[in-house]
Each structure stands twice: as C-alpha cells, then as structure tokens.
C-alpha cells in the first residue's frame, strides 16, 4: 500500500463513526436519484469507495444488486450494518479483480479524490473494463488543479491526500479509457461538515460505455 494512501486510510479508520454521521447529511442526493433512474432496474452497481454505505444503502433499497468497495475496514463495518442487502469487500480501486462486463453502473462518489493523478488513467480503464456495454459511470470529484495534503479539521495535525480535477482533465480521463456520452457538471461549493468548515468545490461526471 502506498504511504500516501495508507495515511488517508488510517485517518478514515480513526474518524469512522463521526464521518459516517456527517455523510448522512452531505451527499449528492439529486445525482444519486438520476443515476438510479438511468440504470436497468435490478442491475448490478459497483460503489467504489463506498465509505459508510450511505449510497449503497439507497441503491440496494431501490432494488439494485450492490457491491461496495473501500479500504477502510472501520467504514466497511458501518456499511455492512447500514446496507445489509449489499455486499462489501475491502479492496483498492487501483486493483479491481472483477470480470469484464460485469456491472450496469459504477458509482464513485468522492473516492478518486484520494488517488494520485499518475494512477488515475489505469483506474478509469479498469472502470471501463468491468462495466457492461451501455453501462454508466458516475464520478464526484474535487474541482481544481494538482494535488495537495489538506488539514483534517476534526483532528489537528492530521492530513488527507487529495487530487483535484478540471472539467477538461476529467473528460480526458474518461475519453482515454473509452467512455462516450460524457457530461461534466459544475456542482459548485458544498460544505462537507455541519460546522461549515472545509468547504469544497465539486465537479460531477456521467459517462457511458457504448
């Protein structure tokens, strides 16, 4: 495991309970409903970086077959309780082990934000591979340029690694992997914490495998 990612994993394990509570109040609700409406009812969804299972729970209650992946064991423990109908595995998105053409949809909400740019082309390529023809990819990412370590507001002295994407770069990652019908949406500023700290500007992407 890369040192930069292990530090982020350790932080999520330490914050698992409080993070799970905050996540319930902060998420792309409208995008989640739209995504579900575009996936074949009863289809398979891969929730990459599922965290505490907030979105996996929604999709499984909507009748989808959901597999959630994360590398925080503590968050996975919470996810299994939050979404008992879904299946959860400890796995790294950089090394997916699923068969090709397996999923109707991939939901990646605020998860590629912790992967370095040099590793993202391979991640998008693997997303494309495991999607069925006609499958849909959703990405929720931090808007900006470059990479940085950001202070964790609730744990002074602790930091998380973030990568940022522009609309053009996010589109390029999708195109280079083979995706079509790419739609980039500027979400704007949202607040990740109820106390108003750590405001973030987000960008969304919907893309299809034809």
N, C-alpha and C. Protein backbone atom coordinates (compact mmCIF):
# COMPACT_ATOMS: atom_id res chain seq x y z
N UNK A 1 0.84 -1.20 0.00
CA UNK A 1 0.00 0.00 0.00
C UNK A 1 0.88 1.25 0.00
N UNK A 2 0.59 2.20 -0.88
CA UNK A 2 1.36 3.44 -0.95
C UNK A 2 1.25 4.21 0.37
N UNK A 3 2.35 4.82 0.77
CA UNK A 3 2.36 5.56 2.03
C UNK A 3 1.31 6.67 2.02
N UNK A 4 1.17 7.38 0.90
CA UNK A 4 0.23 8.50 0.85
C UNK A 4 -1.20 8.02 1.07
N UNK A 5 -1.52 6.83 0.58
CA UNK A 5 -2.88 6.31 0.73
C UNK A 5 -3.08 5.69 2.11
N UNK A 6 -2.04 5.07 2.65
CA UNK A 6 -2.16 4.47 3.97
C UNK A 6 -2.46 5.52 5.03
N UNK A 7 -1.85 6.68 4.90
CA UNK A 7 -2.11 7.77 5.85
C UNK A 7 -3.58 8.18 5.82
N UNK A 8 -4.16 8.23 4.62
CA UNK A 8 -5.57 8.58 4.47
C UNK A 8 -6.46 7.48 5.04
N UNK A 9 -6.10 6.23 4.80
CA UNK A 9 -6.87 5.10 5.35
C UNK A 9 -6.87 5.15 6.88
N UNK A 10 -5.71 5.37 7.47
CA UNK A 10 -5.60 5.43 8.93
C UNK A 10 -6.48 6.53 9.49
N UNK A 11 -6.54 7.65 8.79
CA UNK A 11 -7.35 8.77 9.26
C UNK A 11 -8.84 8.41 9.19
N UNK A 12 -9.27 7.80 8.09
CA UNK A 12 -10.68 7.39 7.98
C UNK A 12 -11.05 6.35 9.04
N UNK A 13 -10.14 5.43 9.33
CA UNK A 13 -10.41 4.46 10.38
C UNK A 13 -10.59 5.14 11.73
N UNK A 14 -9.80 6.17 11.98
CA UNK A 14 -9.89 6.90 13.25
C UNK A 14 -11.17 7.71 13.34
N UNK A 15 -11.66 8.20 12.18
CA UNK A 15 -12.83 9.08 12.16
C UNK A 15 -14.12 8.37 11.74
N UNK A 16 -14.09 7.06 11.65
CA UNK A 16 -15.18 6.32 11.01
C UNK A 16 -16.56 6.69 11.54
N UNK A 17 -16.75 6.71 12.83
CA UNK A 17 -18.08 6.96 13.40
C UNK A 17 -18.57 8.37 13.09
N UNK A 18 -17.72 9.36 13.32
CA UNK A 18 -18.13 10.75 13.07
C UNK A 18 -18.29 11.01 11.58
N UNK A 19 -17.43 10.39 10.77
CA UNK A 19 -17.53 10.56 9.31
C UNK A 19 -18.85 9.99 8.80
N UNK A 20 -19.23 8.83 9.32
CA UNK A 20 -20.48 8.20 8.89
C UNK A 20 -21.68 9.07 9.21
N UNK A 21 -21.66 9.70 10.37
CA UNK A 21 -22.77 10.58 10.76
C UNK A 21 -22.84 11.81 9.86
N UNK A 22 -21.68 12.41 9.58
CA UNK A 22 -21.64 13.58 8.71
C UNK A 22 -22.09 13.25 7.29
N UNK A 23 -21.72 12.06 6.83
CA UNK A 23 -22.03 11.67 5.46
C UNK A 23 -23.53 11.59 5.21
N UNK A 24 -24.29 11.29 6.23
CA UNK A 24 -25.74 11.19 6.08
C UNK A 24 -26.37 12.54 5.70
N UNK A 25 -25.71 13.62 6.11
CA UNK A 25 -26.25 14.96 5.85
C UNK A 25 -25.63 15.64 4.64
N UNK A 26 -24.60 15.03 4.06
CA UNK A 26 -23.88 15.68 2.98
C UNK A 26 -23.62 14.67 1.87
N UNK A 27 -24.37 14.79 0.79
CA UNK A 27 -24.17 13.88 -0.32
C UNK A 27 -24.90 14.36 -1.55
N UNK A 28 -24.54 13.84 -2.72
CA UNK A 28 -25.19 14.25 -3.97
C UNK A 28 -26.53 13.55 -4.17
N UNK A 29 -27.53 14.00 -3.47
CA UNK A 29 -28.84 13.33 -3.45
C UNK A 29 -29.48 13.31 -4.83
N UNK A 30 -29.51 14.45 -5.51
CA UNK A 30 -30.14 14.51 -6.82
C UNK A 30 -29.40 13.66 -7.85
N UNK A 31 -28.07 13.68 -7.79
CA UNK A 31 -27.28 12.88 -8.71
C UNK A 31 -27.52 11.38 -8.48
N UNK A 32 -27.67 11.03 -7.22
CA UNK A 32 -27.91 9.62 -6.87
C UNK A 32 -29.23 9.14 -7.45
N UNK A 33 -30.27 9.98 -7.36
CA UNK A 33 -31.57 9.62 -7.92
C UNK A 33 -31.51 9.53 -9.44
N UNK A 34 -30.80 10.47 -10.06
CA UNK A 34 -30.66 10.45 -11.52
C UNK A 34 -29.92 9.19 -11.96
N UNK A 35 -28.83 8.89 -11.30
CA UNK A 35 -28.05 7.69 -11.62
C UNK A 35 -28.92 6.44 -11.56
N UNK A 36 -29.69 6.32 -10.48
CA UNK A 36 -30.56 5.15 -10.31
C UNK A 36 -31.60 5.05 -11.42
N UNK A 37 -32.08 6.19 -11.88
CA UNK A 37 -33.10 6.20 -12.93
C UNK A 37 -32.54 5.77 -14.28
N UNK A 38 -31.22 5.84 -14.44
CA UNK A 38 -30.59 5.51 -15.71
C UNK A 38 -30.02 4.09 -15.76
N UNK A 39 -30.11 3.39 -14.66
CA UNK A 39 -29.61 2.01 -14.58
C UNK A 39 -30.79 1.04 -14.68
N UNK A 40 -30.58 -0.05 -15.41
CA UNK A 40 -31.61 -1.08 -15.53
C UNK A 40 -32.05 -1.55 -14.15
N UNK A 41 -33.35 -1.55 -13.91
CA UNK A 41 -33.87 -1.94 -12.60
C UNK A 41 -33.39 -3.35 -12.25
N UNK A 42 -32.88 -3.49 -11.03
CA UNK A 42 -32.37 -4.78 -10.60
C UNK A 42 -30.96 -5.06 -11.06
N UNK A 43 -30.34 -4.10 -11.75
CA UNK A 43 -28.99 -4.29 -12.26
C UNK A 43 -27.94 -4.24 -11.16
N UNK A 44 -26.69 -4.50 -11.57
CA UNK A 44 -25.57 -4.54 -10.63
C UNK A 44 -24.85 -3.18 -10.60
N UNK A 45 -24.67 -2.67 -9.40
CA UNK A 45 -23.95 -1.41 -9.20
C UNK A 45 -22.72 -1.66 -8.35
N UNK A 46 -21.59 -1.12 -8.79
CA UNK A 46 -20.36 -1.16 -8.01
C UNK A 46 -20.16 0.21 -7.38
N UNK A 47 -20.19 0.26 -6.06
CA UNK A 47 -19.99 1.50 -5.31
C UNK A 47 -18.52 1.56 -4.89
N UNK A 48 -17.74 2.34 -5.62
CA UNK A 48 -16.30 2.38 -5.42
C UNK A 48 -15.95 3.46 -4.40
N UNK A 49 -15.31 3.05 -3.32
CA UNK A 49 -15.07 3.99 -2.22
C UNK A 49 -16.37 4.24 -1.48
N UNK A 50 -17.04 3.15 -1.11
CA UNK A 50 -18.40 3.23 -0.56
C UNK A 50 -18.47 3.85 0.82
N UNK A 51 -17.32 3.94 1.51
CA UNK A 51 -17.32 4.54 2.84
C UNK A 51 -18.25 3.83 3.80
N UNK A 52 -19.11 4.59 4.44
CA UNK A 52 -20.01 4.05 5.47
C UNK A 52 -21.28 3.45 4.89
N UNK A 53 -21.39 3.37 3.56
CA UNK A 53 -22.52 2.68 2.94
C UNK A 53 -23.76 3.51 2.71
N UNK A 54 -23.64 4.82 2.81
CA UNK A 54 -24.79 5.71 2.62
C UNK A 54 -25.46 5.47 1.26
N UNK A 55 -24.66 5.50 0.20
CA UNK A 55 -25.22 5.37 -1.14
C UNK A 55 -25.54 3.92 -1.48
N UNK A 56 -24.75 3.00 -0.99
CA UNK A 56 -25.04 1.58 -1.19
C UNK A 56 -26.40 1.22 -0.60
N UNK A 57 -26.70 1.79 0.56
CA UNK A 57 -28.00 1.53 1.19
C UNK A 57 -29.13 2.03 0.32
N UNK A 58 -28.98 3.22 -0.25
CA UNK A 58 -30.01 3.77 -1.13
C UNK A 58 -30.22 2.88 -2.34
N UNK A 59 -29.14 2.51 -3.01
CA UNK A 59 -29.26 1.70 -4.22
C UNK A 59 -29.84 0.32 -3.94
N UNK A 60 -29.44 -0.30 -2.85
CA UNK A 60 -29.97 -1.63 -2.54
C UNK A 60 -31.45 -1.57 -2.19
N UNK A 61 -31.86 -0.49 -1.52
CA UNK A 61 -33.28 -0.34 -1.20
C UNK A 61 -34.11 -0.06 -2.45
N UNK A 62 -33.47 0.45 -3.48
CA UNK A 62 -34.14 0.69 -4.76
C UNK A 62 -34.20 -0.57 -5.62
N UNK A 63 -33.67 -1.65 -5.11
CA UNK A 63 -33.78 -2.93 -5.81
C UNK A 63 -32.57 -3.34 -6.63
N UNK A 64 -31.47 -2.60 -6.52
CA UNK A 64 -30.27 -2.95 -7.27
C UNK A 64 -29.41 -3.95 -6.49
N UNK A 65 -28.61 -4.71 -7.21
CA UNK A 65 -27.64 -5.61 -6.60
C UNK A 65 -26.35 -4.81 -6.44
N UNK A 66 -25.96 -4.57 -5.20
CA UNK A 66 -24.88 -3.62 -4.93
C UNK A 66 -23.66 -4.32 -4.32
N UNK A 67 -22.51 -3.98 -4.85
CA UNK A 67 -21.24 -4.37 -4.26
C UNK A 67 -20.50 -3.09 -3.90
N UNK A 68 -20.11 -2.97 -2.64
CA UNK A 68 -19.39 -1.80 -2.18
C UNK A 68 -17.94 -2.13 -1.87
N UNK A 69 -17.04 -1.24 -2.29
CA UNK A 69 -15.62 -1.42 -2.03
C UNK A 69 -15.07 -0.25 -1.25
N UNK A 70 -14.21 -0.55 -0.30
CA UNK A 70 -13.49 0.51 0.40
C UNK A 70 -12.23 -0.10 1.00
N UNK A 71 -11.30 0.75 1.40
CA UNK A 71 -10.08 0.24 2.03
C UNK A 71 -9.98 0.66 3.49
N UNK A 72 -11.07 1.22 4.01
CA UNK A 72 -11.17 1.49 5.45
C UNK A 72 -12.02 0.39 6.09
N UNK A 73 -11.39 -0.46 6.85
CA UNK A 73 -12.12 -1.56 7.48
C UNK A 73 -13.19 -1.05 8.45
N UNK A 74 -12.89 0.04 9.13
CA UNK A 74 -13.86 0.59 10.09
C UNK A 74 -15.10 1.11 9.38
N UNK A 75 -14.92 1.77 8.24
CA UNK A 75 -16.08 2.24 7.49
C UNK A 75 -16.87 1.08 6.91
N UNK A 76 -16.18 0.03 6.50
CA UNK A 76 -16.87 -1.15 5.96
C UNK A 76 -17.73 -1.82 7.04
N UNK A 77 -17.26 -1.81 8.27
CA UNK A 77 -18.06 -2.38 9.36
C UNK A 77 -19.38 -1.63 9.49
N UNK A 78 -19.33 -0.31 9.38
CA UNK A 78 -20.53 0.52 9.47
C UNK A 78 -21.42 0.28 8.25
N UNK A 79 -20.79 0.17 7.08
CA UNK A 79 -21.54 -0.03 5.83
C UNK A 79 -22.35 -1.33 5.87
N UNK A 80 -21.78 -2.37 6.41
CA UNK A 80 -22.48 -3.67 6.44
C UNK A 80 -23.74 -3.61 7.30
N UNK A 81 -23.74 -2.74 8.28
CA UNK A 81 -24.94 -2.54 9.11
C UNK A 81 -25.92 -1.63 8.39
N UNK A 82 -25.40 -0.59 7.75
CA UNK A 82 -26.26 0.40 7.08
C UNK A 82 -26.97 -0.18 5.87
N UNK A 83 -26.31 -1.12 5.19
CA UNK A 83 -26.87 -1.68 3.95
C UNK A 83 -26.75 -3.20 3.96
N UNK A 84 -27.56 -3.87 4.76
CA UNK A 84 -27.43 -5.33 4.91
C UNK A 84 -27.72 -6.11 3.63
N UNK A 85 -28.41 -5.51 2.67
CA UNK A 85 -28.72 -6.21 1.42
C UNK A 85 -27.55 -6.17 0.44
N UNK A 86 -26.60 -5.29 0.67
CA UNK A 86 -25.44 -5.16 -0.22
C UNK A 86 -24.30 -6.05 0.26
N UNK A 87 -23.34 -6.25 -0.64
CA UNK A 87 -22.13 -6.99 -0.31
C UNK A 87 -20.96 -6.02 -0.27
N UNK A 88 -20.09 -6.19 0.72
CA UNK A 88 -18.98 -5.26 0.87
C UNK A 88 -17.66 -6.00 0.98
N UNK A 89 -16.65 -5.40 0.34
CA UNK A 89 -15.32 -6.01 0.33
C UNK A 89 -14.25 -4.95 0.55
N UNK A 90 -13.20 -5.35 1.23
CA UNK A 90 -12.04 -4.49 1.37
C UNK A 90 -11.21 -4.63 0.09
N UNK A 91 -11.16 -3.56 -0.69
CA UNK A 91 -10.46 -3.62 -1.98
C UNK A 91 -10.01 -2.23 -2.40
N UNK A 92 -8.94 -2.20 -3.15
CA UNK A 92 -8.33 -0.98 -3.66
C UNK A 92 -8.82 -0.76 -5.09
N UNK A 93 -9.38 0.41 -5.38
CA UNK A 93 -9.90 0.68 -6.72
C UNK A 93 -8.83 0.63 -7.79
N UNK A 94 -7.57 0.72 -7.39
CA UNK A 94 -6.49 0.66 -8.37
C UNK A 94 -6.20 -0.77 -8.81
N UNK A 95 -6.82 -1.72 -8.13
CA UNK A 95 -6.56 -3.13 -8.44
C UNK A 95 -7.87 -3.91 -8.39
N UNK A 96 -8.80 -3.59 -9.28
CA UNK A 96 -10.08 -4.30 -9.32
C UNK A 96 -9.87 -5.71 -9.83
N UNK A 97 -10.60 -6.66 -9.23
CA UNK A 97 -10.42 -8.07 -9.61
C UNK A 97 -11.70 -8.69 -10.17
N UNK A 98 -12.60 -7.85 -10.67
CA UNK A 98 -13.86 -8.36 -11.21
C UNK A 98 -13.70 -8.74 -12.68
N UNK A 99 -14.64 -9.58 -13.14
CA UNK A 99 -14.65 -9.94 -14.54
C UNK A 99 -15.06 -8.74 -15.40
N UNK A 100 -14.65 -8.75 -16.64
CA UNK A 100 -15.07 -7.70 -17.57
C UNK A 100 -16.58 -7.77 -17.80
N UNK A 101 -17.17 -6.61 -18.11
CA UNK A 101 -18.59 -6.53 -18.48
C UNK A 101 -19.52 -7.07 -17.39
N UNK A 102 -19.22 -6.73 -16.14
CA UNK A 102 -19.96 -7.30 -15.01
C UNK A 102 -21.03 -6.37 -14.44
N UNK A 103 -20.81 -5.05 -14.51
CA UNK A 103 -21.68 -4.11 -13.80
C UNK A 103 -22.47 -3.22 -14.76
N UNK A 104 -23.70 -2.91 -14.34
CA UNK A 104 -24.54 -1.98 -15.10
C UNK A 104 -24.20 -0.54 -14.78
N UNK A 105 -23.62 -0.31 -13.61
CA UNK A 105 -23.26 1.04 -13.21
C UNK A 105 -22.11 1.04 -12.22
N UNK A 106 -21.28 2.07 -12.29
CA UNK A 106 -20.23 2.30 -11.29
C UNK A 106 -20.47 3.68 -10.69
N UNK A 107 -20.60 3.70 -9.37
CA UNK A 107 -20.82 4.93 -8.62
C UNK A 107 -19.55 5.20 -7.83
N UNK A 108 -18.90 6.32 -8.14
CA UNK A 108 -17.65 6.67 -7.47
C UNK A 108 -17.78 8.08 -6.91
N UNK A 109 -18.27 8.15 -5.69
CA UNK A 109 -18.57 9.43 -5.05
C UNK A 109 -17.44 9.82 -4.10
N UNK A 110 -16.71 10.86 -4.47
CA UNK A 110 -15.64 11.40 -3.62
C UNK A 110 -14.60 10.33 -3.27
N UNK A 111 -14.29 9.47 -4.24
CA UNK A 111 -13.29 8.43 -3.97
C UNK A 111 -12.02 8.60 -4.80
N UNK A 112 -12.14 9.03 -6.07
CA UNK A 112 -10.90 9.25 -6.84
C UNK A 112 -10.12 10.43 -6.29
N UNK A 113 -10.74 11.20 -5.41
CA UNK A 113 -10.06 12.37 -4.83
C UNK A 113 -8.82 11.99 -4.03
N UNK A 114 -8.72 10.71 -3.64
CA UNK A 114 -7.59 10.28 -2.83
C UNK A 114 -6.55 9.51 -3.63
N UNK A 115 -6.68 9.52 -4.96
CA UNK A 115 -5.75 8.79 -5.82
C UNK A 115 -4.89 9.78 -6.62
N UNK A 116 -3.59 9.51 -6.69
CA UNK A 116 -2.70 10.41 -7.42
C UNK A 116 -3.00 10.38 -8.91
N UNK A 117 -2.75 11.50 -9.56
CA UNK A 117 -3.05 11.63 -10.98
C UNK A 117 -2.34 10.58 -11.84
N UNK A 118 -1.12 10.25 -11.47
CA UNK A 118 -0.38 9.28 -12.29
C UNK A 118 -1.03 7.90 -12.28
N UNK A 119 -1.89 7.64 -11.29
CA UNK A 119 -2.56 6.34 -11.19
C UNK A 119 -4.00 6.37 -11.72
N UNK A 120 -4.54 7.54 -11.97
CA UNK A 120 -5.94 7.64 -12.37
C UNK A 120 -6.24 7.10 -13.78
N UNK A 121 -5.37 7.26 -14.78
CA UNK A 121 -5.70 6.66 -16.08
C UNK A 121 -5.99 5.16 -16.00
N UNK A 122 -5.20 4.44 -15.22
CA UNK A 122 -5.41 3.00 -15.07
C UNK A 122 -6.71 2.70 -14.33
N UNK A 123 -7.08 3.57 -13.38
CA UNK A 123 -8.34 3.40 -12.65
C UNK A 123 -9.52 3.53 -13.60
N UNK A 124 -9.52 4.56 -14.43
CA UNK A 124 -10.61 4.76 -15.38
C UNK A 124 -10.68 3.62 -16.40
N UNK A 125 -9.53 3.12 -16.81
CA UNK A 125 -9.51 1.99 -17.74
C UNK A 125 -10.14 0.75 -17.12
N UNK A 126 -9.86 0.51 -15.84
CA UNK A 126 -10.46 -0.65 -15.17
C UNK A 126 -11.95 -0.45 -14.95
N UNK A 127 -12.38 0.79 -14.69
CA UNK A 127 -13.81 1.08 -14.61
C UNK A 127 -14.50 0.70 -15.92
N UNK A 128 -13.89 1.11 -17.02
CA UNK A 128 -14.46 0.82 -18.33
C UNK A 128 -14.55 -0.69 -18.56
N UNK A 129 -13.52 -1.40 -18.17
CA UNK A 129 -13.46 -2.85 -18.41
C UNK A 129 -14.57 -3.60 -17.68
N UNK A 130 -14.84 -3.24 -16.44
CA UNK A 130 -15.80 -4.04 -15.65
C UNK A 130 -17.25 -3.62 -15.89
N UNK A 131 -17.46 -2.49 -16.58
CA UNK A 131 -18.82 -2.08 -16.94
C UNK A 131 -19.31 -2.90 -18.13
N UNK A 132 -20.61 -3.20 -18.14
CA UNK A 132 -21.23 -3.82 -19.30
C UNK A 132 -21.36 -2.79 -20.42
N UNK A 133 -21.45 -3.22 -21.67
CA UNK A 133 -21.78 -2.27 -22.74
C UNK A 133 -23.11 -1.58 -22.41
N UNK A 134 -23.12 -0.26 -22.52
CA UNK A 134 -24.29 0.52 -22.13
C UNK A 134 -24.26 0.92 -20.67
N UNK A 135 -23.24 0.47 -19.94
CA UNK A 135 -23.15 0.78 -18.51
C UNK A 135 -22.80 2.24 -18.26
N UNK A 136 -23.13 2.71 -17.07
CA UNK A 136 -22.98 4.13 -16.71
C UNK A 136 -21.98 4.32 -15.60
N UNK A 137 -21.10 5.31 -15.77
CA UNK A 137 -20.13 5.70 -14.75
C UNK A 137 -20.51 7.06 -14.18
N UNK A 138 -20.46 7.17 -12.85
CA UNK A 138 -20.64 8.47 -12.19
C UNK A 138 -19.41 8.76 -11.34
N UNK A 139 -18.87 9.97 -11.50
CA UNK A 139 -17.72 10.42 -10.72
C UNK A 139 -18.09 11.73 -10.01
N UNK A 140 -17.80 11.80 -8.72
CA UNK A 140 -17.97 13.02 -7.94
C UNK A 140 -16.58 13.37 -7.41
N UNK A 141 -16.00 14.47 -7.90
CA UNK A 141 -14.61 14.77 -7.60
C UNK A 141 -14.43 16.22 -7.16
N UNK A 142 -13.27 16.49 -6.59
CA UNK A 142 -12.95 17.85 -6.15
C UNK A 142 -12.41 18.65 -7.33
N UNK A 143 -13.00 19.82 -7.54
CA UNK A 143 -12.61 20.66 -8.66
C UNK A 143 -11.35 21.47 -8.32
N UNK A 144 -10.45 21.51 -9.30
CA UNK A 144 -9.23 22.28 -9.11
C UNK A 144 -8.10 21.70 -9.92
N UNK A 145 -6.88 22.02 -9.53
CA UNK A 145 -5.71 21.54 -10.24
C UNK A 145 -4.68 21.00 -9.26
N UNK A 146 -3.98 19.96 -9.70
CA UNK A 146 -2.86 19.44 -8.93
C UNK A 146 -3.25 18.50 -7.81
N UNK A 147 -2.36 18.42 -6.83
CA UNK A 147 -2.53 17.52 -5.68
C UNK A 147 -2.08 18.26 -4.42
N UNK A 148 -2.62 17.84 -3.27
CA UNK A 148 -2.25 18.51 -2.02
C UNK A 148 -2.63 17.66 -0.83
N UNK A 149 -1.96 17.91 0.27
CA UNK A 149 -2.36 17.36 1.56
C UNK A 149 -3.15 18.45 2.29
N UNK A 150 -4.35 18.10 2.75
CA UNK A 150 -5.20 19.07 3.43
C UNK A 150 -5.34 18.71 4.90
N UNK A 151 -5.34 19.73 5.73
CA UNK A 151 -5.53 19.51 7.17
C UNK A 151 -6.90 18.92 7.44
N UNK A 152 -6.98 18.02 8.40
CA UNK A 152 -8.24 17.44 8.84
C UNK A 152 -8.80 18.30 9.97
N UNK A 153 -9.93 19.00 9.75
CA UNK A 153 -10.45 19.94 10.76
C UNK A 153 -10.71 19.31 12.12
N UNK A 154 -11.15 18.06 12.13
CA UNK A 154 -11.52 17.44 13.40
C UNK A 154 -10.35 16.76 14.11
N UNK A 155 -9.17 16.71 13.46
CA UNK A 155 -8.01 16.09 14.07
C UNK A 155 -6.77 16.94 13.77
N UNK A 156 -6.50 17.94 14.59
CA UNK A 156 -5.35 18.82 14.36
C UNK A 156 -4.07 18.03 14.17
N UNK A 157 -3.31 18.42 13.15
CA UNK A 157 -2.04 17.76 12.89
C UNK A 157 -2.15 16.60 11.90
N UNK A 158 -3.37 16.17 11.60
CA UNK A 158 -3.58 15.08 10.66
C UNK A 158 -3.98 15.64 9.29
N UNK A 159 -3.54 14.95 8.24
CA UNK A 159 -3.82 15.41 6.89
C UNK A 159 -4.34 14.27 6.03
N UNK A 160 -5.08 14.66 4.97
CA UNK A 160 -5.54 13.72 3.95
C UNK A 160 -5.00 14.15 2.60
N UNK A 161 -4.65 13.16 1.78
CA UNK A 161 -4.20 13.46 0.43
C UNK A 161 -5.39 13.69 -0.49
N UNK A 162 -5.30 14.72 -1.34
CA UNK A 162 -6.35 14.99 -2.32
C UNK A 162 -5.74 15.25 -3.69
N UNK A 163 -6.42 14.77 -4.72
CA UNK A 163 -6.13 15.20 -6.08
C UNK A 163 -7.33 15.99 -6.58
N UNK A 164 -7.07 16.96 -7.45
CA UNK A 164 -8.11 17.84 -7.96
C UNK A 164 -8.18 17.71 -9.48
N UNK A 165 -9.37 17.88 -10.04
CA UNK A 165 -9.52 17.77 -11.49
C UNK A 165 -10.28 18.97 -12.06
N UNK A 166 -9.89 19.36 -13.24
CA UNK A 166 -10.65 20.33 -14.01
C UNK A 166 -11.65 19.56 -14.87
N UNK A 167 -12.59 20.28 -15.46
CA UNK A 167 -13.56 19.64 -16.34
C UNK A 167 -12.85 18.97 -17.52
N UNK A 168 -11.87 19.65 -18.09
CA UNK A 168 -11.18 19.11 -19.25
C UNK A 168 -10.37 17.86 -18.90
N UNK A 169 -9.75 17.85 -17.74
CA UNK A 169 -8.95 16.69 -17.34
C UNK A 169 -9.85 15.49 -17.04
N UNK A 170 -10.96 15.74 -16.36
CA UNK A 170 -11.89 14.66 -16.05
C UNK A 170 -12.45 14.05 -17.34
N UNK A 171 -12.77 14.91 -18.28
CA UNK A 171 -13.26 14.42 -19.58
C UNK A 171 -12.19 13.62 -20.29
N UNK A 172 -10.94 14.07 -20.21
CA UNK A 172 -9.84 13.35 -20.86
C UNK A 172 -9.66 11.96 -20.26
N UNK A 173 -9.72 11.86 -18.93
CA UNK A 173 -9.59 10.54 -18.30
C UNK A 173 -10.66 9.59 -18.84
N UNK A 174 -11.88 10.10 -18.97
CA UNK A 174 -12.98 9.27 -19.48
C UNK A 174 -12.76 8.89 -20.95
N UNK A 175 -12.43 9.87 -21.76
CA UNK A 175 -12.24 9.62 -23.19
C UNK A 175 -11.10 8.64 -23.44
N UNK A 176 -10.00 8.83 -22.75
CA UNK A 176 -8.84 7.96 -22.95
C UNK A 176 -9.14 6.51 -22.56
N UNK A 177 -10.06 6.32 -21.61
CA UNK A 177 -10.44 4.98 -21.18
C UNK A 177 -11.45 4.34 -22.13
N UNK A 178 -12.06 5.16 -23.01
CA UNK A 178 -13.01 4.62 -23.98
C UNK A 178 -14.45 5.05 -23.79
N UNK A 179 -14.72 5.87 -22.78
CA UNK A 179 -16.10 6.27 -22.49
C UNK A 179 -16.62 7.26 -23.53
N UNK A 180 -17.95 7.25 -23.70
CA UNK A 180 -18.64 8.17 -24.60
C UNK A 180 -19.77 8.86 -23.85
N UNK A 181 -20.50 9.74 -24.54
CA UNK A 181 -21.62 10.46 -23.94
C UNK A 181 -21.23 11.05 -22.59
N UNK A 182 -20.12 11.75 -22.57
CA UNK A 182 -19.56 12.28 -21.32
C UNK A 182 -20.20 13.63 -21.01
N UNK A 183 -20.76 13.74 -19.83
CA UNK A 183 -21.36 15.00 -19.39
C UNK A 183 -20.68 15.45 -18.10
N UNK A 184 -20.12 16.65 -18.13
CA UNK A 184 -19.45 17.22 -16.97
C UNK A 184 -20.35 18.30 -16.37
N UNK A 185 -20.53 18.26 -15.05
CA UNK A 185 -21.41 19.19 -14.36
C UNK A 185 -20.64 19.90 -13.25
N UNK A 186 -20.66 21.22 -13.28
CA UNK A 186 -20.01 22.00 -12.23
C UNK A 186 -20.98 22.12 -11.06
N UNK A 187 -20.68 21.43 -9.97
CA UNK A 187 -21.58 21.39 -8.82
C UNK A 187 -21.50 22.67 -8.00
N UNK A 188 -20.31 23.26 -7.92
CA UNK A 188 -20.15 24.46 -7.12
C UNK A 188 -19.70 24.13 -5.70
N UNK A 189 -19.93 25.05 -4.79
CA UNK A 189 -19.47 24.91 -3.42
C UNK A 189 -20.48 24.14 -2.58
N UNK A 190 -19.98 23.14 -1.88
CA UNK A 190 -20.78 22.45 -0.86
C UNK A 190 -19.95 22.40 0.41
N UNK A 191 -20.59 22.14 1.52
CA UNK A 191 -19.87 22.06 2.78
C UNK A 191 -19.88 20.61 3.27
N UNK A 192 -18.69 20.11 3.57
CA UNK A 192 -18.59 18.72 3.98
C UNK A 192 -18.89 18.53 5.46
N UNK A 193 -18.86 19.61 6.22
CA UNK A 193 -19.07 19.49 7.66
C UNK A 193 -20.20 20.40 8.12
N UNK A 194 -20.95 19.91 9.08
CA UNK A 194 -22.09 20.68 9.58
C UNK A 194 -21.64 22.00 10.19
N UNK A 195 -20.40 22.05 10.68
CA UNK A 195 -19.92 23.29 11.30
C UNK A 195 -19.44 24.32 10.27
N UNK A 196 -19.56 23.96 8.98
CA UNK A 196 -19.22 24.90 7.93
C UNK A 196 -17.76 24.92 7.53
N UNK A 197 -16.94 24.16 8.22
CA UNK A 197 -15.52 24.14 7.89
C UNK A 197 -15.27 23.26 6.66
N UNK A 198 -14.13 23.48 6.04
CA UNK A 198 -13.65 22.63 4.95
C UNK A 198 -14.62 22.64 3.78
N UNK A 199 -15.06 23.83 3.35
CA UNK A 199 -15.93 23.94 2.18
C UNK A 199 -15.19 23.45 0.95
N UNK A 200 -15.92 22.80 0.04
CA UNK A 200 -15.30 22.20 -1.13
C UNK A 200 -16.06 22.58 -2.39
N UNK A 201 -15.32 22.70 -3.47
CA UNK A 201 -15.95 22.89 -4.77
C UNK A 201 -15.85 21.57 -5.53
N UNK A 202 -16.98 21.09 -6.01
CA UNK A 202 -17.06 19.76 -6.60
C UNK A 202 -17.39 19.82 -8.08
N UNK A 203 -17.07 18.73 -8.76
CA UNK A 203 -17.40 18.57 -10.17
C UNK A 203 -17.87 17.14 -10.39
N UNK A 204 -18.93 16.98 -11.20
CA UNK A 204 -19.51 15.67 -11.46
C UNK A 204 -19.29 15.25 -12.89
N UNK A 205 -19.34 13.96 -13.12
CA UNK A 205 -19.22 13.41 -14.46
C UNK A 205 -20.12 12.19 -14.61
N UNK A 206 -20.91 12.16 -15.68
CA UNK A 206 -21.63 10.98 -16.10
C UNK A 206 -21.05 10.55 -17.44
N UNK A 207 -20.74 9.26 -17.61
CA UNK A 207 -20.17 8.76 -18.86
C UNK A 207 -20.66 7.35 -19.12
N UNK A 208 -20.79 7.01 -20.40
CA UNK A 208 -21.30 5.68 -20.75
C UNK A 208 -20.26 4.86 -21.51
N UNK A 209 -20.38 3.55 -21.31
CA UNK A 209 -19.62 2.60 -22.11
C UNK A 209 -20.54 2.10 -23.21
N UNK A 210 -20.26 2.44 -24.44
CA UNK A 210 -21.12 2.04 -25.56
C UNK A 210 -20.71 0.68 -26.12
